PDB file of N, CA and C in Angstrom:
ATOM      1  N   UNK A   1     -66.493  52.071 -72.417  1.00  0.00           N
ATOM      2  CA  UNK A   1     -65.764  52.601 -73.550  1.00  0.00           C
ATOM      3  C   UNK A   1     -64.438  51.853 -73.663  1.00  0.00           C
ATOM      4  N   UNK A   2     -64.093  51.396 -74.834  1.00  0.00           N
ATOM      5  CA  UNK A   2     -62.871  50.629 -75.046  1.00  0.00           C
ATOM      6  C   UNK A   2     -61.708  51.511 -75.453  1.00  0.00           C
ATOM      7  N   UNK A   3     -60.582  50.862 -75.650  1.00  0.00           N
ATOM      8  CA  UNK A   3     -59.398  51.573 -76.105  1.00  0.00           C
ATOM      9  C   UNK A   3     -59.532  51.887 -77.588  1.00  0.00           C
ATOM     10  N   UNK A   4     -58.968  53.006 -78.029  1.00  0.00           N
ATOM     11  CA  UNK A   4     -59.032  53.323 -79.452  1.00  0.00           C
ATOM     12  C   UNK A   4     -58.225  52.303 -80.251  1.00  0.00           C
ATOM     13  N   UNK A   5     -58.661  52.053 -81.439  1.00  0.00           N
ATOM     14  CA  UNK A   5     -57.995  51.100 -82.312  1.00  0.00           C
ATOM     15  C   UNK A   5     -57.086  51.857 -83.269  1.00  0.00           C
ATOM     16  N   UNK A   6     -55.783  51.635 -83.141  1.00  0.00           N
ATOM     17  CA  UNK A   6     -54.811  52.290 -84.006  1.00  0.00           C
ATOM     18  C   UNK A   6     -54.359  51.259 -85.034  1.00  0.00           C
ATOM     19  N   UNK A   7     -54.553  51.539 -86.312  1.00  0.00           N
ATOM     20  CA  UNK A   7     -54.189  50.550 -87.332  1.00  0.00           C
ATOM     21  C   UNK A   7     -52.678  50.336 -87.431  1.00  0.00           C
ATOM     22  N   UNK A   8     -52.275  49.122 -87.724  1.00  0.00           N
ATOM     23  CA  UNK A   8     -50.889  48.728 -87.986  1.00  0.00           C
ATOM     24  C   UNK A   8     -49.980  48.841 -86.762  1.00  0.00           C
ATOM     25  N   UNK A   9     -50.551  48.975 -85.598  1.00  0.00           N
ATOM     26  CA  UNK A   9     -49.744  49.014 -84.376  1.00  0.00           C
ATOM     27  C   UNK A   9     -50.305  47.970 -83.425  1.00  0.00           C
ATOM     28  N   UNK A  10     -49.444  47.072 -83.016  1.00  0.00           N
ATOM     29  CA  UNK A  10     -49.876  46.026 -82.088  1.00  0.00           C
ATOM     30  C   UNK A  10     -49.267  46.323 -80.714  1.00  0.00           C
ATOM     31  N   UNK A  11     -50.077  46.713 -79.762  1.00  0.00           N
ATOM     32  CA  UNK A  11     -49.548  47.079 -78.445  1.00  0.00           C
ATOM     33  C   UNK A  11     -49.297  45.872 -77.539  1.00  0.00           C
ATOM     34  N   UNK A  12     -48.906  44.770 -78.121  1.00  0.00           N
ATOM     35  CA  UNK A  12     -48.654  43.570 -77.332  1.00  0.00           C
ATOM     36  C   UNK A  12     -47.229  43.605 -76.798  1.00  0.00           C
ATOM     37  N   UNK A  13     -47.124  43.447 -75.511  1.00  0.00           N
ATOM     38  CA  UNK A  13     -45.821  43.415 -74.862  1.00  0.00           C
ATOM     39  C   UNK A  13     -45.710  42.073 -74.161  1.00  0.00           C
ATOM     40  N   UNK A  14     -44.637  41.374 -74.419  1.00  0.00           N
ATOM     41  CA  UNK A  14     -44.441  40.066 -73.806  1.00  0.00           C
ATOM     42  C   UNK A  14     -43.290  40.164 -72.812  1.00  0.00           C
ATOM     43  N   UNK A  15     -43.609  39.986 -71.548  1.00  0.00           N
ATOM     44  CA  UNK A  15     -42.620  40.050 -70.484  1.00  0.00           C
ATOM     45  C   UNK A  15     -42.742  38.763 -69.681  1.00  0.00           C
ATOM     46  N   UNK A  16     -41.633  38.037 -69.577  1.00  0.00           N
ATOM     47  CA  UNK A  16     -41.686  36.821 -68.761  1.00  0.00           C
ATOM     48  C   UNK A  16     -41.402  37.175 -67.302  1.00  0.00           C
ATOM     49  N   UNK A  17     -41.445  36.178 -66.461  1.00  0.00           N
ATOM     50  CA  UNK A  17     -41.304  36.395 -65.020  1.00  0.00           C
ATOM     51  C   UNK A  17     -39.955  37.032 -64.669  1.00  0.00           C
ATOM     52  N   UNK A  18     -38.876  36.530 -65.262  1.00  0.00           N
ATOM     53  CA  UNK A  18     -37.551  37.086 -64.975  1.00  0.00           C
ATOM     54  C   UNK A  18     -37.451  38.542 -65.420  1.00  0.00           C
ATOM     55  N   UNK A  19     -38.006  38.850 -66.586  1.00  0.00           N
ATOM     56  CA  UNK A  19     -38.012  40.239 -67.055  1.00  0.00           C
ATOM     57  C   UNK A  19     -38.787  41.133 -66.095  1.00  0.00           C
ATOM     58  N   UNK A  20     -39.914  40.640 -65.610  1.00  0.00           N
ATOM     59  CA  UNK A  20     -40.732  41.424 -64.676  1.00  0.00           C
ATOM     60  C   UNK A  20     -39.966  41.697 -63.390  1.00  0.00           C
ATOM     61  N   UNK A  21     -39.273  40.685 -62.880  1.00  0.00           N
ATOM     62  CA  UNK A  21     -38.494  40.875 -61.654  1.00  0.00           C
ATOM     63  C   UNK A  21     -37.348  41.857 -61.891  1.00  0.00           C
ATOM     64  N   UNK A  22     -36.688  41.736 -63.043  1.00  0.00           N
ATOM     65  CA  UNK A  22     -35.622  42.691 -63.381  1.00  0.00           C
ATOM     66  C   UNK A  22     -36.166  44.113 -63.477  1.00  0.00           C
ATOM     67  N   UNK A  23     -37.315  44.267 -64.114  1.00  0.00           N
ATOM     68  CA  UNK A  23     -37.922  45.593 -64.243  1.00  0.00           C
ATOM     69  C   UNK A  23     -38.307  46.165 -62.883  1.00  0.00           C
ATOM     70  N   UNK A  24     -38.804  45.322 -62.000  1.00  0.00           N
ATOM     71  CA  UNK A  24     -39.146  45.788 -60.653  1.00  0.00           C
ATOM     72  C   UNK A  24     -37.903  46.271 -59.912  1.00  0.00           C
ATOM     73  N   UNK A  25     -36.819  45.500 -59.982  1.00  0.00           N
ATOM     74  CA  UNK A  25     -35.583  45.910 -59.312  1.00  0.00           C
ATOM     75  C   UNK A  25     -35.013  47.189 -59.928  1.00  0.00           C
ATOM     76  N   UNK A  26     -35.096  47.309 -61.251  1.00  0.00           N
ATOM     77  CA  UNK A  26     -34.621  48.538 -61.898  1.00  0.00           C
ATOM     78  C   UNK A  26     -35.465  49.739 -61.491  1.00  0.00           C
ATOM     79  N   UNK A  27     -36.768  49.545 -61.369  1.00  0.00           N
ATOM     80  CA  UNK A  27     -37.622  50.670 -60.977  1.00  0.00           C
ATOM     81  C   UNK A  27     -37.308  51.109 -59.552  1.00  0.00           C
ATOM     82  N   UNK A  28     -37.016  50.147 -58.683  1.00  0.00           N
ATOM     83  CA  UNK A  28     -36.630  50.485 -57.309  1.00  0.00           C
ATOM     84  C   UNK A  28     -35.318  51.266 -57.322  1.00  0.00           C
ATOM     85  N   UNK A  29     -34.357  50.808 -58.116  1.00  0.00           N
ATOM     86  CA  UNK A  29     -33.067  51.499 -58.203  1.00  0.00           C
ATOM     87  C   UNK A  29     -33.234  52.923 -58.728  1.00  0.00           C
ATOM     88  N   UNK A  30     -34.091  53.106 -59.724  1.00  0.00           N
ATOM     89  CA  UNK A  30     -34.315  54.449 -60.266  1.00  0.00           C
ATOM     90  C   UNK A  30     -34.995  55.355 -59.248  1.00  0.00           C
ATOM     91  N   UNK A  31     -35.909  54.803 -58.467  1.00  0.00           N
ATOM     92  CA  UNK A  31     -36.533  55.607 -57.409  1.00  0.00           C
ATOM     93  C   UNK A  31     -35.502  56.002 -56.365  1.00  0.00           C
ATOM     94  N   UNK A  32     -34.594  55.080 -56.032  1.00  0.00           N
ATOM     95  CA  UNK A  32     -33.529  55.393 -55.078  1.00  0.00           C
ATOM     96  C   UNK A  32     -32.648  56.521 -55.616  1.00  0.00           C
ATOM     97  N   UNK A  33     -32.340  56.464 -56.897  1.00  0.00           N
ATOM     98  CA  UNK A  33     -31.539  57.516 -57.518  1.00  0.00           C
ATOM     99  C   UNK A  33     -32.264  58.858 -57.464  1.00  0.00           C
ATOM    100  N   UNK A  34     -33.554  58.843 -57.703  1.00  0.00           N
ATOM    101  CA  UNK A  34     -34.355  60.070 -57.625  1.00  0.00           C
ATOM    102  C   UNK A  34     -34.332  60.648 -56.219  1.00  0.00           C
ATOM    103  N   UNK A  35     -34.447  59.778 -55.229  1.00  0.00           N
ATOM    104  CA  UNK A  35     -34.406  60.245 -53.842  1.00  0.00           C
ATOM    105  C   UNK A  35     -33.036  60.830 -53.505  1.00  0.00           C
ATOM    106  N   UNK A  36     -31.979  60.250 -54.064  1.00  0.00           N
ATOM    107  CA  UNK A  36     -30.639  60.797 -53.839  1.00  0.00           C
ATOM    108  C   UNK A  36     -30.535  62.211 -54.407  1.00  0.00           C
ATOM    109  N   UNK A  37     -31.130  62.442 -55.564  1.00  0.00           N
ATOM    110  CA  UNK A  37     -31.127  63.787 -56.152  1.00  0.00           C
ATOM    111  C   UNK A  37     -31.918  64.766 -55.280  1.00  0.00           C
ATOM    112  N   UNK A  38     -33.023  64.299 -54.729  1.00  0.00           N
ATOM    113  CA  UNK A  38     -33.821  65.153 -53.838  1.00  0.00           C
ATOM    114  C   UNK A  38     -33.010  65.519 -52.604  1.00  0.00           C
ATOM    115  N   UNK A  39     -32.327  64.532 -52.011  1.00  0.00           N
ATOM    116  CA  UNK A  39     -31.506  64.807 -50.832  1.00  0.00           C
ATOM    117  C   UNK A  39     -30.387  65.789 -51.161  1.00  0.00           C
ATOM    118  N   UNK A  40     -29.784  65.638 -52.314  1.00  0.00           N
ATOM    119  CA  UNK A  40     -28.737  66.566 -52.737  1.00  0.00           C
ATOM    120  C   UNK A  40     -29.287  67.984 -52.866  1.00  0.00           C
ATOM    121  N   UNK A  41     -30.464  68.117 -53.448  1.00  0.00           N
ATOM    122  CA  UNK A  41     -31.085  69.440 -53.603  1.00  0.00           C
ATOM    123  C   UNK A  41     -31.380  70.068 -52.243  1.00  0.00           C
ATOM    124  N   UNK A  42     -31.799  69.260 -51.294  1.00  0.00           N
ATOM    125  CA  UNK A  42     -32.073  69.792 -49.955  1.00  0.00           C
ATOM    126  C   UNK A  42     -30.786  70.247 -49.282  1.00  0.00           C
ATOM    127  N   UNK A  43     -29.701  69.509 -49.495  1.00  0.00           N
ATOM    128  CA  UNK A  43     -28.403  69.931 -48.967  1.00  0.00           C
ATOM    129  C   UNK A  43     -27.964  71.252 -49.569  1.00  0.00           C
ATOM    130  N   UNK A  44     -28.191  71.404 -50.863  1.00  0.00           N
ATOM    131  CA  UNK A  44     -27.852  72.663 -51.530  1.00  0.00           C
ATOM    132  C   UNK A  44     -28.713  73.808 -51.018  1.00  0.00           C
ATOM    133  N   UNK A  45     -29.950  73.517 -50.689  1.00  0.00           N
ATOM    134  CA  UNK A  45     -30.840  74.552 -50.139  1.00  0.00           C
ATOM    135  C   UNK A  45     -30.280  75.070 -48.807  1.00  0.00           C
ATOM    136  N   UNK A  46     -29.829  74.151 -47.974  1.00  0.00           N
ATOM    137  CA  UNK A  46     -29.257  74.545 -46.678  1.00  0.00           C
ATOM    138  C   UNK A  46     -27.971  75.341 -46.895  1.00  0.00           C
ATOM    139  N   UNK A  47     -27.112  74.863 -47.802  1.00  0.00           N
ATOM    140  CA  UNK A  47     -25.869  75.580 -48.085  1.00  0.00           C
ATOM    141  C   UNK A  47     -26.140  76.994 -48.578  1.00  0.00           C
ATOM    142  N   UNK A  48     -27.113  77.145 -49.450  1.00  0.00           N
ATOM    143  CA  UNK A  48     -27.463  78.464 -49.979  1.00  0.00           C
ATOM    144  C   UNK A  48     -27.917  79.390 -48.855  1.00  0.00           C
ATOM    145  N   UNK A  49     -28.755  78.877 -47.971  1.00  0.00           N
ATOM    146  CA  UNK A  49     -29.259  79.698 -46.866  1.00  0.00           C
ATOM    147  C   UNK A  49     -28.126  80.116 -45.935  1.00  0.00           C
ATOM    148  N   UNK A  50     -27.218  79.186 -45.643  1.00  0.00           N
ATOM    149  CA  UNK A  50     -26.110  79.513 -44.751  1.00  0.00           C
ATOM    150  C   UNK A  50     -25.134  80.494 -45.400  1.00  0.00           C
ATOM    151  N   UNK A  51     -24.881  80.325 -46.687  1.00  0.00           N
ATOM    152  CA  UNK A  51     -24.012  81.273 -47.392  1.00  0.00           C
ATOM    153  C   UNK A  51     -24.643  82.659 -47.435  1.00  0.00           C
ATOM    154  N   UNK A  52     -25.940  82.710 -47.657  1.00  0.00           N
ATOM    155  CA  UNK A  52     -26.636  84.003 -47.670  1.00  0.00           C
ATOM    156  C   UNK A  52     -26.533  84.667 -46.305  1.00  0.00           C
ATOM    157  N   UNK A  53     -26.632  83.884 -45.255  1.00  0.00           N
ATOM    158  CA  UNK A  53     -26.513  84.420 -43.897  1.00  0.00           C
ATOM    159  C   UNK A  53     -25.095  84.937 -43.653  1.00  0.00           C
ATOM    160  N   UNK A  54     -24.093  84.161 -44.052  1.00  0.00           N
ATOM    161  CA  UNK A  54     -22.698  84.552 -43.836  1.00  0.00           C
ATOM    162  C   UNK A  54     -22.322  85.796 -44.639  1.00  0.00           C
ATOM    163  N   UNK A  55     -22.890  85.947 -45.810  1.00  0.00           N
ATOM    164  CA  UNK A  55     -22.569  87.096 -46.663  1.00  0.00           C
ATOM    165  C   UNK A  55     -23.403  88.321 -46.318  1.00  0.00           C
ATOM    166  N   UNK A  56     -24.250  88.203 -45.327  1.00  0.00           N
ATOM    167  CA  UNK A  56     -25.048  89.332 -44.887  1.00  0.00           C
ATOM    168  C   UNK A  56     -26.253  89.627 -45.754  1.00  0.00           C
ATOM    169  N   UNK A  57     -26.637  88.700 -46.606  1.00  0.00           N
ATOM    170  CA  UNK A  57     -27.796  88.907 -47.474  1.00  0.00           C
ATOM    171  C   UNK A  57     -29.105  88.577 -46.770  1.00  0.00           C
ATOM    172  N   UNK A  58     -29.004  88.047 -45.555  1.00  0.00           N
ATOM    173  CA  UNK A  58     -30.211  87.618 -44.855  1.00  0.00           C
ATOM    174  C   UNK A  58     -30.217  88.197 -43.438  1.00  0.00           C
ATOM    175  N   UNK A  59     -29.973  89.481 -43.296  1.00  0.00           N
ATOM    176  CA  UNK A  59     -29.884  90.073 -41.966  1.00  0.00           C
ATOM    177  C   UNK A  59     -31.243  90.196 -41.303  1.00  0.00           C
ATOM    178  N   UNK A  60     -32.199  90.713 -42.043  1.00  0.00           N
ATOM    179  CA  UNK A  60     -33.512  90.939 -41.459  1.00  0.00           C
ATOM    180  C   UNK A  60     -34.241  89.601 -41.330  1.00  0.00           C
ATOM    181  N   UNK A  61     -34.644  89.294 -40.129  1.00  0.00           N
ATOM    182  CA  UNK A  61     -35.371  88.055 -39.833  1.00  0.00           C
ATOM    183  C   UNK A  61     -34.565  86.813 -40.220  1.00  0.00           C
ATOM    184  N   UNK A  62     -33.256  86.858 -39.997  1.00  0.00           N
ATOM    185  CA  UNK A  62     -32.384  85.756 -40.405  1.00  0.00           C
ATOM    186  C   UNK A  62     -32.774  84.447 -39.732  1.00  0.00           C
ATOM    187  N   UNK A  63     -33.033  84.510 -38.435  1.00  0.00           N
ATOM    188  CA  UNK A  63     -33.390  83.284 -37.708  1.00  0.00           C
ATOM    189  C   UNK A  63     -34.703  82.722 -38.227  1.00  0.00           C
ATOM    190  N   UNK A  64     -35.682  83.587 -38.455  1.00  0.00           N
ATOM    191  CA  UNK A  64     -36.967  83.119 -38.987  1.00  0.00           C
ATOM    192  C   UNK A  64     -36.791  82.447 -40.348  1.00  0.00           C
ATOM    193  N   UNK A  65     -35.966  83.045 -41.194  1.00  0.00           N
ATOM    194  CA  UNK A  65     -35.728  82.460 -42.518  1.00  0.00           C
ATOM    195  C   UNK A  65     -35.020  81.110 -42.418  1.00  0.00           C
ATOM    196  N   UNK A  66     -34.023  81.033 -41.535  1.00  0.00           N
ATOM    197  CA  UNK A  66     -33.327  79.758 -41.357  1.00  0.00           C
ATOM    198  C   UNK A  66     -34.265  78.689 -40.806  1.00  0.00           C
ATOM    199  N   UNK A  67     -35.141  79.079 -39.903  1.00  0.00           N
ATOM    200  CA  UNK A  67     -36.099  78.117 -39.359  1.00  0.00           C
ATOM    201  C   UNK A  67     -37.079  77.642 -40.431  1.00  0.00           C
ATOM    202  N   UNK A  68     -37.472  78.545 -41.333  1.00  0.00           N
ATOM    203  CA  UNK A  68     -38.350  78.141 -42.442  1.00  0.00           C
ATOM    204  C   UNK A  68     -37.647  77.132 -43.351  1.00  0.00           C
ATOM    205  N   UNK A  69     -36.389  77.417 -43.660  1.00  0.00           N
ATOM    206  CA  UNK A  69     -35.620  76.483 -44.489  1.00  0.00           C
ATOM    207  C   UNK A  69     -35.487  75.148 -43.769  1.00  0.00           C
ATOM    208  N   UNK A  70     -35.199  75.200 -42.488  1.00  0.00           N
ATOM    209  CA  UNK A  70     -35.048  73.978 -41.702  1.00  0.00           C
ATOM    210  C   UNK A  70     -36.338  73.161 -41.694  1.00  0.00           C
ATOM    211  N   UNK A  71     -37.476  73.834 -41.504  1.00  0.00           N
ATOM    212  CA  UNK A  71     -38.761  73.116 -41.507  1.00  0.00           C
ATOM    213  C   UNK A  71     -39.041  72.497 -42.871  1.00  0.00           C
ATOM    214  N   UNK A  72     -38.716  73.230 -43.913  1.00  0.00           N
ATOM    215  CA  UNK A  72     -38.926  72.726 -45.269  1.00  0.00           C
ATOM    216  C   UNK A  72     -38.070  71.487 -45.526  1.00  0.00           C
ATOM    217  N   UNK A  73     -36.800  71.571 -45.183  1.00  0.00           N
ATOM    218  CA  UNK A  73     -35.895  70.432 -45.375  1.00  0.00           C
ATOM    219  C   UNK A  73     -36.336  69.259 -44.512  1.00  0.00           C
ATOM    220  N   UNK A  74     -36.731  69.538 -43.288  1.00  0.00           N
ATOM    221  CA  UNK A  74     -37.202  68.483 -42.390  1.00  0.00           C
ATOM    222  C   UNK A  74     -38.405  67.758 -42.986  1.00  0.00           C
ATOM    223  N   UNK A  75     -39.328  68.511 -43.548  1.00  0.00           N
ATOM    224  CA  UNK A  75     -40.516  67.916 -44.161  1.00  0.00           C
ATOM    225  C   UNK A  75     -40.142  67.013 -45.338  1.00  0.00           C
ATOM    226  N   UNK A  76     -39.248  67.502 -46.180  1.00  0.00           N
ATOM    227  CA  UNK A  76     -38.817  66.703 -47.331  1.00  0.00           C
ATOM    228  C   UNK A  76     -38.091  65.445 -46.862  1.00  0.00           C
ATOM    229  N   UNK A  77     -37.213  65.590 -45.874  1.00  0.00           N
ATOM    230  CA  UNK A  77     -36.481  64.428 -45.362  1.00  0.00           C
ATOM    231  C   UNK A  77     -37.423  63.381 -44.780  1.00  0.00           C
ATOM    232  N   UNK A  78     -38.445  63.821 -44.076  1.00  0.00           N
ATOM    233  CA  UNK A  78     -39.421  62.871 -43.525  1.00  0.00           C
ATOM    234  C   UNK A  78     -40.119  62.108 -44.650  1.00  0.00           C
ATOM    235  N   UNK A  79     -40.468  62.812 -45.721  1.00  0.00           N
ATOM    236  CA  UNK A  79     -41.115  62.148 -46.855  1.00  0.00           C
ATOM    237  C   UNK A  79     -40.162  61.200 -47.578  1.00  0.00           C
ATOM    238  N   UNK A  80     -38.901  61.581 -47.680  1.00  0.00           N
ATOM    239  CA  UNK A  80     -37.909  60.698 -48.301  1.00  0.00           C
ATOM    240  C   UNK A  80     -37.744  59.433 -47.463  1.00  0.00           C
ATOM    241  N   UNK A  81     -37.702  59.584 -46.155  1.00  0.00           N
ATOM    242  CA  UNK A  81     -37.578  58.419 -45.272  1.00  0.00           C
ATOM    243  C   UNK A  81     -38.769  57.487 -45.446  1.00  0.00           C
ATOM    244  N   UNK A  82     -39.963  58.052 -45.524  1.00  0.00           N
ATOM    245  CA  UNK A  82     -41.158  57.223 -45.744  1.00  0.00           C
ATOM    246  C   UNK A  82     -41.050  56.455 -47.054  1.00  0.00           C
ATOM    247  N   UNK A  83     -40.610  57.135 -48.094  1.00  0.00           N
ATOM    248  CA  UNK A  83     -40.463  56.483 -49.400  1.00  0.00           C
ATOM    249  C   UNK A  83     -39.384  55.406 -49.352  1.00  0.00           C
ATOM    250  N   UNK A  84     -38.304  55.671 -48.624  1.00  0.00           N
ATOM    251  CA  UNK A  84     -37.237  54.677 -48.471  1.00  0.00           C
ATOM    252  C   UNK A  84     -37.764  53.403 -47.809  1.00  0.00           C
ATOM    253  N   UNK A  85     -38.607  53.572 -46.804  1.00  0.00           N
ATOM    254  CA  UNK A  85     -39.186  52.407 -46.127  1.00  0.00           C
ATOM    255  C   UNK A  85     -40.038  51.601 -47.104  1.00  0.00           C
ATOM    256  N   UNK A  86     -40.857  52.284 -47.890  1.00  0.00           N
ATOM    257  CA  UNK A  86     -41.687  51.586 -48.874  1.00  0.00           C
ATOM    258  C   UNK A  86     -40.827  50.880 -49.922  1.00  0.00           C
ATOM    259  N   UNK A  87     -39.763  51.530 -50.357  1.00  0.00           N
ATOM    260  CA  UNK A  87     -38.875  50.900 -51.334  1.00  0.00           C
ATOM    261  C   UNK A  87     -38.187  49.671 -50.745  1.00  0.00           C
ATOM    262  N   UNK A  88     -37.843  49.750 -49.467  1.00  0.00           N
ATOM    263  CA  UNK A  88     -37.237  48.593 -48.807  1.00  0.00           C
ATOM    264  C   UNK A  88     -38.214  47.418 -48.792  1.00  0.00           C
ATOM    265  N   UNK A  89     -39.477  47.695 -48.486  1.00  0.00           N
ATOM    266  CA  UNK A  89     -40.499  46.638 -48.510  1.00  0.00           C
ATOM    267  C   UNK A  89     -40.636  46.047 -49.912  1.00  0.00           C
ATOM    268  N   UNK A  90     -40.667  46.917 -50.919  1.00  0.00           N
ATOM    269  CA  UNK A  90     -40.777  46.435 -52.303  1.00  0.00           C
ATOM    270  C   UNK A  90     -39.589  45.552 -52.659  1.00  0.00           C
ATOM    271  N   UNK A  91     -38.405  46.012 -52.295  1.00  0.00           N
ATOM    272  CA  UNK A  91     -37.203  45.251 -52.615  1.00  0.00           C
ATOM    273  C   UNK A  91     -37.217  43.899 -51.911  1.00  0.00           C
ATOM    274  N   UNK A  92     -37.590  43.872 -50.649  1.00  0.00           N
ATOM    275  CA  UNK A  92     -37.663  42.608 -49.917  1.00  0.00           C
ATOM    276  C   UNK A  92     -38.661  41.656 -50.565  1.00  0.00           C
ATOM    277  N   UNK A  93     -39.793  42.190 -51.002  1.00  0.00           N
ATOM    278  CA  UNK A  93     -40.794  41.346 -51.661  1.00  0.00           C
ATOM    279  C   UNK A  93     -40.251  40.744 -52.953  1.00  0.00           C
ATOM    280  N   UNK A  94     -39.590  41.560 -53.753  1.00  0.00           N
ATOM    281  CA  UNK A  94     -39.029  41.054 -55.011  1.00  0.00           C
ATOM    282  C   UNK A  94     -37.950  40.019 -54.724  1.00  0.00           C
ATOM    283  N   UNK A  95     -37.082  40.305 -53.765  1.00  0.00           N
ATOM    284  CA  UNK A  95     -36.023  39.352 -53.438  1.00  0.00           C
ATOM    285  C   UNK A  95     -36.591  38.059 -52.868  1.00  0.00           C
ATOM    286  N   UNK A  96     -37.683  38.150 -52.126  1.00  0.00           N
ATOM    287  CA  UNK A  96     -38.338  36.934 -51.634  1.00  0.00           C
ATOM    288  C   UNK A  96     -38.866  36.098 -52.788  1.00  0.00           C
ATOM    289  N   UNK A  97     -39.451  36.742 -53.779  1.00  0.00           N
ATOM    290  CA  UNK A  97     -39.943  36.011 -54.954  1.00  0.00           C
ATOM    291  C   UNK A  97     -38.774  35.353 -55.678  1.00  0.00           C
ATOM    292  N   UNK A  98     -37.679  36.079 -55.834  1.00  0.00           N
ATOM    293  CA  UNK A  98     -36.498  35.515 -56.491  1.00  0.00           C
ATOM    294  C   UNK A  98     -35.972  34.336 -55.681  1.00  0.00           C
ATOM    295  N   UNK A  99     -35.938  34.489 -54.357  1.00  0.00           N
ATOM    296  CA  UNK A  99     -35.479  33.400 -53.487  1.00  0.00           C
ATOM    297  C   UNK A  99     -36.361  32.177 -53.594  1.00  0.00           C
ATOM    298  N   UNK A 100     -37.671  32.383 -53.662  1.00  0.00           N
ATOM    299  CA  UNK A 100     -38.610  31.265 -53.803  1.00  0.00           C
ATOM    300  C   UNK A 100     -38.391  30.562 -55.127  1.00  0.00           C
ATOM    301  N   UNK A 101     -38.117  31.308 -56.182  1.00  0.00           N
ATOM    302  CA  UNK A 101     -37.860  30.701 -57.488  1.00  0.00           C
ATOM    303  C   UNK A 101     -36.597  29.856 -57.442  1.00  0.00           C
ATOM    304  N   UNK A 102     -35.541  30.382 -56.784  1.00  0.00           N
ATOM    305  CA  UNK A 102     -34.287  29.639 -56.709  1.00  0.00           C
ATOM    306  C   UNK A 102     -34.471  28.347 -55.933  1.00  0.00           C
ATOM    307  N   UNK A 103     -35.241  28.387 -54.835  1.00  0.00           N
ATOM    308  CA  UNK A 103     -35.502  27.175 -54.069  1.00  0.00           C
ATOM    309  C   UNK A 103     -36.257  26.164 -54.916  1.00  0.00           C
ATOM    310  N   UNK A 104     -37.219  26.645 -55.694  1.00  0.00           N
ATOM    311  CA  UNK A 104     -38.009  25.764 -56.553  1.00  0.00           C
ATOM    312  C   UNK A 104     -37.123  25.142 -57.632  1.00  0.00           C
ATOM    313  N   UNK A 105     -36.221  25.952 -58.209  1.00  0.00           N
ATOM    314  CA  UNK A 105     -35.321  25.440 -59.242  1.00  0.00           C
ATOM    315  C   UNK A 105     -34.372  24.389 -58.675  1.00  0.00           C
ATOM    316  N   UNK A 106     -33.898  24.581 -57.437  1.00  0.00           N
ATOM    317  CA  UNK A 106     -32.988  23.626 -56.814  1.00  0.00           C
ATOM    318  C   UNK A 106     -33.667  22.290 -56.539  1.00  0.00           C
ATOM    319  N   UNK A 107     -34.955  22.336 -56.190  1.00  0.00           N
ATOM    320  CA  UNK A 107     -35.686  21.112 -55.875  1.00  0.00           C
ATOM    321  C   UNK A 107     -36.024  20.322 -57.128  1.00  0.00           C
ATOM    322  N   UNK A 108     -36.214  21.025 -58.252  1.00  0.00           N
ATOM    323  CA  UNK A 108     -36.668  20.388 -59.486  1.00  0.00           C
ATOM    324  C   UNK A 108     -35.584  19.678 -60.177  1.00  0.00           C
TER     325      UNK A 108
END
């Protein structure tokens, strides 16, 4: 089955090599920004739990609740770290391609 044909719309996108590399670096930067927001939210989660404990809103099973929050934050942090490692690999690959292009341009 093919793509539907929409009249008067040409879905042709022309991206050269430099544009593609720029887009890759921008996508990595946006993912990093997203991860920063996730980390901020996890920090706020911990602050909320500690404030609730200090204000006496979490008396019953307080330790159990704090441990649940801690496990949840720990899980998210582990996933963020994994994503950071993958983003680092992506960034290194893009920078290697850029470096190879610069070496080629210098030789030519």
